[in-house]
């Protein structure tokens, strides 16, 4: 059963967001990726918390993972 995870990303631009999305889509445990560069947030659907994979993908994309956030604090 997939759950949603939200992460605040420093330095997220539309171009870096596309690189981040491509990197995260390669991970089989992550079922979907939504990038919101205007909010600096990515939303992932995964069975388990993919924070370690997000940190690695951020390094690839040239961004920095700041913190995991709860949905109710975003919208």
PDB file of N, CA and C in Angstrom:
ATOM      1  N   UNK A   1       0.842  -1.176   0.000  1.00  0.00           N
ATOM      2  CA  UNK A   1       0.000   0.000   0.000  1.00  0.00           C
ATOM      3  C   UNK A   1       0.890   1.244   0.000  1.00  0.00           C
ATOM      4  N   UNK A   2       0.713   2.097  -0.967  1.00  0.00           N
ATOM      5  CA  UNK A   2       1.539   3.291  -1.104  1.00  0.00           C
ATOM      6  C   UNK A   2       1.004   4.424  -0.235  1.00  0.00           C
ATOM      7  N   UNK A   3       1.934   5.153   0.371  1.00  0.00           N
ATOM      8  CA  UNK A   3       1.608   6.341   1.155  1.00  0.00           C
ATOM      9  C   UNK A   3       2.281   7.536   0.492  1.00  0.00           C
ATOM     10  N   UNK A   4       1.772   8.720   0.788  1.00  0.00           N
ATOM     11  CA  UNK A   4       2.363   9.937   0.249  1.00  0.00           C
ATOM     12  C   UNK A   4       3.376  10.511   1.223  1.00  0.00           C
ATOM     13  N   UNK A   5       4.505  10.955   0.677  1.00  0.00           N
ATOM     14  CA  UNK A   5       5.565  11.602   1.442  1.00  0.00           C
ATOM     15  C   UNK A   5       5.869  12.932   0.774  1.00  0.00           C
ATOM     16  N   UNK A   6       6.089  13.961   1.573  1.00  0.00           N
ATOM     17  CA  UNK A   6       6.352  15.302   1.070  1.00  0.00           C
ATOM     18  C   UNK A   6       7.696  15.774   1.608  1.00  0.00           C
ATOM     19  N   UNK A   7       8.508  16.376   0.723  1.00  0.00           N
ATOM     20  CA  UNK A   7       9.833  16.851   1.111  1.00  0.00           C
ATOM     21  C   UNK A   7      10.033  18.271   0.622  1.00  0.00           C
ATOM     22  N   UNK A   8      10.604  19.101   1.481  1.00  0.00           N
ATOM     23  CA  UNK A   8      10.973  20.457   1.128  1.00  0.00           C
ATOM     24  C   UNK A   8      12.397  20.416   0.582  1.00  0.00           C
ATOM     25  N   UNK A   9      12.575  20.946  -0.621  1.00  0.00           N
ATOM     26  CA  UNK A   9      13.847  20.869  -1.326  1.00  0.00           C
ATOM     27  C   UNK A   9      14.395  22.281  -1.547  1.00  0.00           C
ATOM     28  N   UNK A  10      15.628  22.519  -1.134  1.00  0.00           N
ATOM     29  CA  UNK A  10      16.291  23.808  -1.374  1.00  0.00           C
ATOM     30  C   UNK A  10      16.846  23.839  -2.792  1.00  0.00           C
ATOM     31  N   UNK A  11      16.700  24.998  -3.451  1.00  0.00           N
ATOM     32  CA  UNK A  11      17.267  25.182  -4.787  1.00  0.00           C
ATOM     33  C   UNK A  11      16.492  24.483  -5.882  1.00  0.00           C
ATOM     34  N   UNK A  12      15.205  24.229  -5.659  1.00  0.00           N
ATOM     35  CA  UNK A  12      14.397  23.504  -6.651  1.00  0.00           C
ATOM     36  C   UNK A  12      13.901  24.463  -7.729  1.00  0.00           C
ATOM     37  N   UNK A  13      14.360  24.248  -8.947  1.00  0.00           N
ATOM     38  CA  UNK A  13      13.910  24.997 -10.120  1.00  0.00           C
ATOM     39  C   UNK A  13      13.186  24.010 -11.036  1.00  0.00           C
ATOM     40  N   UNK A  14      12.464  24.496 -12.035  1.00  0.00           N
ATOM     41  CA  UNK A  14      11.811  23.550 -12.957  1.00  0.00           C
ATOM     42  C   UNK A  14      12.794  22.586 -13.634  1.00  0.00           C
ATOM     43  N   UNK A  15      13.978  23.070 -14.011  1.00  0.00           N
ATOM     44  CA  UNK A  15      14.967  22.208 -14.667  1.00  0.00           C
ATOM     45  C   UNK A  15      15.505  21.158 -13.698  1.00  0.00           C
ATOM     46  N   UNK A  16      15.862  21.592 -12.501  1.00  0.00           N
ATOM     47  CA  UNK A  16      16.366  20.648 -11.500  1.00  0.00           C
ATOM     48  C   UNK A  16      15.259  19.700 -11.057  1.00  0.00           C
ATOM     49  N   UNK A  17      14.031  20.187 -11.055  1.00  0.00           N
ATOM     50  CA  UNK A  17      12.892  19.336 -10.710  1.00  0.00           C
ATOM     51  C   UNK A  17      12.720  18.199 -11.686  1.00  0.00           C
ATOM     52  N   UNK A  18      12.945  18.450 -12.970  1.00  0.00           N
ATOM     53  CA  UNK A  18      12.844  17.387 -13.972  1.00  0.00           C
ATOM     54  C   UNK A  18      13.947  16.353 -13.776  1.00  0.00           C
ATOM     55  N   UNK A  19      15.167  16.809 -13.455  1.00  0.00           N
ATOM     56  CA  UNK A  19      16.266  15.871 -13.187  1.00  0.00           C
ATOM     57  C   UNK A  19      15.976  15.039 -11.943  1.00  0.00           C
ATOM     58  N   UNK A  20      15.442  15.696 -10.918  1.00  0.00           N
ATOM     59  CA  UNK A  20      15.098  15.011  -9.677  1.00  0.00           C
ATOM     60  C   UNK A  20      14.009  13.969  -9.928  1.00  0.00           C
ATOM     61  N   UNK A  21      13.014  14.339 -10.699  1.00  0.00           N
ATOM     62  CA  UNK A  21      11.918  13.423 -11.019  1.00  0.00           C
ATOM     63  C   UNK A  21      12.433  12.203 -11.788  1.00  0.00           C
ATOM     64  N   UNK A  22      13.291  12.428 -12.773  1.00  0.00           N
ATOM     65  CA  UNK A  22      13.842  11.311 -13.545  1.00  0.00           C
ATOM     66  C   UNK A  22      14.638  10.362 -12.653  1.00  0.00           C
ATOM     67  N   UNK A  23      15.428  10.931 -11.750  1.00  0.00           N
ATOM     68  CA  UNK A  23      16.230  10.095 -10.851  1.00  0.00           C
ATOM     69  C   UNK A  23      15.336   9.273  -9.932  1.00  0.00           C
ATOM     70  N   UNK A  24      14.289   9.890  -9.383  1.00  0.00           N
ATOM     71  CA  UNK A  24      13.410   9.184  -8.448  1.00  0.00           C
ATOM     72  C   UNK A  24      12.523   8.152  -9.143  1.00  0.00           C
ATOM     73  N   UNK A  25      12.172   8.384 -10.399  1.00  0.00           N
ATOM     74  CA  UNK A  25      11.341   7.425 -11.135  1.00  0.00           C
ATOM     75  C   UNK A  25      12.082   6.121 -11.411  1.00  0.00           C
ATOM     76  N   UNK A  26      13.408   6.111 -11.297  1.00  0.00           N
ATOM     77  CA  UNK A  26      14.186   4.901 -11.529  1.00  0.00           C
ATOM     78  C   UNK A  26      14.162   3.949 -10.334  1.00  0.00           C
ATOM     79  N   UNK A  27      13.678   4.410  -9.196  1.00  0.00           N
ATOM     80  CA  UNK A  27      13.660   3.599  -7.978  1.00  0.00           C
ATOM     81  C   UNK A  27      12.363   2.804  -7.932  1.00  0.00           C
ATOM     82  N   UNK A  28      12.443   1.478  -7.899  1.00  0.00           N
ATOM     83  CA  UNK A  28      11.235   0.651  -7.994  1.00  0.00           C
ATOM     84  C   UNK A  28      10.264   0.819  -6.823  1.00  0.00           C
ATOM     85  N   UNK A  29      10.744   1.190  -5.641  1.00  0.00           N
ATOM     86  CA  UNK A  29       9.863   1.336  -4.481  1.00  0.00           C
ATOM     87  C   UNK A  29       8.979   2.575  -4.572  1.00  0.00           C
ATOM     88  N   UNK A  30       9.341   3.527  -5.421  1.00  0.00           N
ATOM     89  CA  UNK A  30       8.575   4.772  -5.574  1.00  0.00           C
ATOM     90  C   UNK A  30       7.625   4.608  -6.748  1.00  0.00           C
ATOM     91  N   UNK A  31       6.319   4.737  -6.471  1.00  0.00           N
ATOM     92  CA  UNK A  31       5.334   4.508  -7.529  1.00  0.00           C
ATOM     93  C   UNK A  31       5.007   5.768  -8.328  1.00  0.00           C
ATOM     94  N   UNK A  32       5.112   6.961  -7.719  1.00  0.00           N
ATOM     95  CA  UNK A  32       4.880   8.186  -8.482  1.00  0.00           C
ATOM     96  C   UNK A  32       5.609   9.355  -7.836  1.00  0.00           C
ATOM     97  N   UNK A  33       5.912  10.356  -8.685  1.00  0.00           N
ATOM     98  CA  UNK A  33       6.644  11.544  -8.256  1.00  0.00           C
ATOM     99  C   UNK A  33       5.939  12.768  -8.812  1.00  0.00           C
ATOM    100  N   UNK A  34       5.659  13.738  -7.949  1.00  0.00           N
ATOM    101  CA  UNK A  34       5.083  15.019  -8.358  1.00  0.00           C
ATOM    102  C   UNK A  34       6.016  16.118  -7.864  1.00  0.00           C
ATOM    103  N   UNK A  35       6.426  16.997  -8.769  1.00  0.00           N
ATOM    104  CA  UNK A  35       7.355  18.070  -8.427  1.00  0.00           C
ATOM    105  C   UNK A  35       6.601  19.392  -8.485  1.00  0.00           C
ATOM    106  N   UNK A  36       6.750  20.197  -7.436  1.00  0.00           N
ATOM    107  CA  UNK A  36       6.129  21.520  -7.375  1.00  0.00           C
ATOM    108  C   UNK A  36       7.219  22.562  -7.136  1.00  0.00           C
ATOM    109  N   UNK A  37       7.916  22.974  -8.203  1.00  0.00           N
ATOM    110  CA  UNK A  37       9.035  23.900  -8.027  1.00  0.00           C
ATOM    111  C   UNK A  37       8.611  25.259  -7.470  1.00  0.00           C
ATOM    112  N   UNK A  38       7.374  25.681  -7.724  1.00  0.00           N
ATOM    113  CA  UNK A  38       6.922  26.972  -7.199  1.00  0.00           C
ATOM    114  C   UNK A  38       6.785  26.954  -5.680  1.00  0.00           C
ATOM    115  N   UNK A  39       6.576  25.774  -5.096  1.00  0.00           N
ATOM    116  CA  UNK A  39       6.507  25.623  -3.645  1.00  0.00           C
ATOM    117  C   UNK A  39       7.804  25.055  -3.063  1.00  0.00           C
ATOM    118  N   UNK A  40       8.692  24.555  -3.916  1.00  0.00           N
ATOM    119  CA  UNK A  40       9.927  23.936  -3.443  1.00  0.00           C
ATOM    120  C   UNK A  40       9.683  22.584  -2.798  1.00  0.00           C
ATOM    121  N   UNK A  41       8.627  21.889  -3.265  1.00  0.00           N
ATOM    122  CA  UNK A  41       8.198  20.637  -2.640  1.00  0.00           C
ATOM    123  C   UNK A  41       8.104  19.535  -3.687  1.00  0.00           C
ATOM    124  N   UNK A  42       8.458  18.308  -3.261  1.00  0.00           N
ATOM    125  CA  UNK A  42       8.175  17.140  -4.078  1.00  0.00           C
ATOM    126  C   UNK A  42       7.258  16.224  -3.279  1.00  0.00           C
ATOM    127  N   UNK A  43       6.382  15.537  -3.991  1.00  0.00           N
ATOM    128  CA  UNK A  43       5.461  14.566  -3.380  1.00  0.00           C
ATOM    129  C   UNK A  43       5.759  13.209  -3.990  1.00  0.00           C
ATOM    130  N   UNK A  44       5.946  12.218  -3.138  1.00  0.00           N
ATOM    131  CA  UNK A  44       6.229  10.865  -3.592  1.00  0.00           C
ATOM    132  C   UNK A  44       5.191   9.919  -3.055  1.00  0.00           C
ATOM    133  N   UNK A  45       4.884   8.894  -3.814  1.00  0.00           N
ATOM    134  CA  UNK A  45       4.053   7.803  -3.335  1.00  0.00           C
ATOM    135  C   UNK A  45       4.938   6.567  -3.286  1.00  0.00           C
ATOM    136  N   UNK A  46       5.058   6.007  -2.076  1.00  0.00           N
ATOM    137  CA  UNK A  46       5.929   4.852  -1.878  1.00  0.00           C
ATOM    138  C   UNK A  46       5.401   4.026  -0.717  1.00  0.00           C
ATOM    139  N   UNK A  47       5.812   2.768  -0.681  1.00  0.00           N
ATOM    140  CA  UNK A  47       5.387   1.877   0.399  1.00  0.00           C
ATOM    141  C   UNK A  47       6.092   2.224   1.702  1.00  0.00           C
ATOM    142  N   UNK A  48       7.362   2.646   1.611  1.00  0.00           N
ATOM    143  CA  UNK A  48       8.148   3.010   2.800  1.00  0.00           C
ATOM    144  C   UNK A  48       8.745   4.395   2.592  1.00  0.00           C
ATOM    145  N   UNK A  49       9.201   4.984   3.675  1.00  0.00           N
ATOM    146  CA  UNK A  49       9.805   6.313   3.609  1.00  0.00           C
ATOM    147  C   UNK A  49      11.080   6.266   2.760  1.00  0.00           C
ATOM    148  N   UNK A  50      11.110   6.982   1.630  1.00  0.00           N
ATOM    149  CA  UNK A  50      12.265   6.934   0.723  1.00  0.00           C
ATOM    150  C   UNK A  50      13.271   8.063   0.951  1.00  0.00           C
ATOM    151  N   UNK A  51      13.438   8.508   2.186  1.00  0.00           N
ATOM    152  CA  UNK A  51      14.282   9.677   2.449  1.00  0.00           C
ATOM    153  C   UNK A  51      15.717   9.490   1.970  1.00  0.00           C
ATOM    154  N   UNK A  52      16.302   8.324   2.164  1.00  0.00           N
ATOM    155  CA  UNK A  52      17.680   8.092   1.716  1.00  0.00           C
ATOM    156  C   UNK A  52      17.789   8.207   0.192  1.00  0.00           C
ATOM    157  N   UNK A  53      16.807   7.685  -0.521  1.00  0.00           N
ATOM    158  CA  UNK A  53      16.812   7.781  -1.980  1.00  0.00           C
ATOM    159  C   UNK A  53      16.614   9.222  -2.435  1.00  0.00           C
ATOM    160  N   UNK A  54      15.812   9.981  -1.704  1.00  0.00           N
ATOM    161  CA  UNK A  54      15.590  11.389  -2.047  1.00  0.00           C
ATOM    162  C   UNK A  54      16.881  12.173  -1.865  1.00  0.00           C
ATOM    163  N   UNK A  55      17.624  11.912  -0.799  1.00  0.00           N
ATOM    164  CA  UNK A  55      18.905  12.591  -0.584  1.00  0.00           C
ATOM    165  C   UNK A  55      19.866  12.324  -1.738  1.00  0.00           C
ATOM    166  N   UNK A  56      19.932  11.089  -2.187  1.00  0.00           N
ATOM    167  CA  UNK A  56      20.804  10.733  -3.303  1.00  0.00           C
ATOM    168  C   UNK A  56      20.345  11.415  -4.597  1.00  0.00           C
ATOM    169  N   UNK A  57      19.051  11.410  -4.855  1.00  0.00           N
ATOM    170  CA  UNK A  57      18.519  12.047  -6.060  1.00  0.00           C
ATOM    171  C   UNK A  57      18.755  13.557  -6.026  1.00  0.00           C
ATOM    172  N   UNK A  58      18.666  14.162  -4.854  1.00  0.00           N
ATOM    173  CA  UNK A  58      18.943  15.594  -4.725  1.00  0.00           C
ATOM    174  C   UNK A  58      20.396  15.893  -5.068  1.00  0.00           C
ATOM    175  N   UNK A  59      21.301  15.040  -4.644  1.00  0.00           N
ATOM    176  CA  UNK A  59      22.713  15.224  -4.978  1.00  0.00           C
ATOM    177  C   UNK A  59      22.922  15.143  -6.483  1.00  0.00           C
ATOM    178  N   UNK A  60      22.220  14.253  -7.137  1.00  0.00           N
ATOM    179  CA  UNK A  60      22.314  14.114  -8.597  1.00  0.00           C
ATOM    180  C   UNK A  60      21.767  15.357  -9.293  1.00  0.00           C
ATOM    181  N   UNK A  61      20.639  15.887  -8.790  1.00  0.00           N
ATOM    182  CA  UNK A  61      19.978  17.021  -9.432  1.00  0.00           C
ATOM    183  C   UNK A  61      20.601  18.365  -9.076  1.00  0.00           C
ATOM    184  N   UNK A  62      21.471  18.398  -8.062  1.00  0.00           N
ATOM    185  CA  UNK A  62      22.088  19.662  -7.671  1.00  0.00           C
ATOM    186  C   UNK A  62      21.239  20.465  -6.706  1.00  0.00           C
ATOM    187  N   UNK A  63      20.419  19.784  -5.922  1.00  0.00           N
ATOM    188  CA  UNK A  63      19.577  20.427  -4.921  1.00  0.00           C
ATOM    189  C   UNK A  63      19.908  19.838  -3.549  1.00  0.00           C
ATOM    190  N   UNK A  64      19.211  20.327  -2.520  1.00  0.00           N
ATOM    191  CA  UNK A  64      19.451  19.849  -1.166  1.00  0.00           C
ATOM    192  C   UNK A  64      18.127  19.528  -0.493  1.00  0.00           C
ATOM    193  N   UNK A  65      18.047  18.358   0.104  1.00  0.00           N
ATOM    194  CA  UNK A  65      16.871  17.974   0.881  1.00  0.00           C
ATOM    195  C   UNK A  65      16.928  18.719   2.202  1.00  0.00           C
ATOM    196  N   UNK A  66      15.878  19.489   2.486  1.00  0.00           N
ATOM    197  CA  UNK A  66      15.851  20.211   3.756  1.00  0.00           C
ATOM    198  C   UNK A  66      15.164  19.387   4.827  1.00  0.00           C
ATOM    199  N   UNK A  67      13.886  18.988   4.592  1.00  0.00           N
ATOM    200  CA  UNK A  67      13.136  18.292   5.630  1.00  0.00           C
ATOM    201  C   UNK A  67      11.903  17.620   5.020  1.00  0.00           C
ATOM    202  N   UNK A  68      11.440  16.570   5.679  1.00  0.00           N
ATOM    203  CA  UNK A  68      10.151  15.976   5.321  1.00  0.00           C
ATOM    204  C   UNK A  68       9.073  16.805   5.997  1.00  0.00           C
ATOM    205  N   UNK A  69       8.003  17.086   5.278  1.00  0.00           N
ATOM    206  CA  UNK A  69       6.916  17.891   5.834  1.00  0.00           C
ATOM    207  C   UNK A  69       5.608  17.109   5.784  1.00  0.00           C
ATOM    208  N   UNK A  70       4.683  17.515   6.621  1.00  0.00           N
ATOM    209  CA  UNK A  70       3.356  16.923   6.623  1.00  0.00           C
ATOM    210  C   UNK A  70       2.474  17.687   5.642  1.00  0.00           C
ATOM    211  N   UNK A  71       1.534  17.017   5.026  1.00  0.00           N
ATOM    212  CA  UNK A  71       0.686  17.641   4.030  1.00  0.00           C
ATOM    213  C   UNK A  71      -0.115  18.796   4.593  1.00  0.00           C
ATOM    214  N   UNK A  72      -0.630  18.651   5.786  1.00  0.00           N
ATOM    215  CA  UNK A  72      -1.487  19.696   6.341  1.00  0.00           C
ATOM    216  C   UNK A  72      -0.723  20.996   6.567  1.00  0.00           C
ATOM    217  N   UNK A  73       0.604  20.954   6.699  1.00  0.00           N
ATOM    218  CA  UNK A  73       1.361  22.172   6.871  1.00  0.00           C
ATOM    219  C   UNK A  73       1.690  22.844   5.525  1.00  0.00           C
ATOM    220  N   UNK A  74       1.418  22.154   4.418  1.00  0.00           N
ATOM    221  CA  UNK A  74       1.719  22.704   3.090  1.00  0.00           C
ATOM    222  C   UNK A  74       0.577  23.495   2.506  1.00  0.00           C
ATOM    223  N   UNK A  75      -0.621  22.995   2.604  1.00  0.00           N
ATOM    224  CA  UNK A  75      -1.737  23.586   1.881  1.00  0.00           C
ATOM    225  C   UNK A  75      -2.820  24.067   2.814  1.00  0.00           C
TER     226      UNK A  75
END
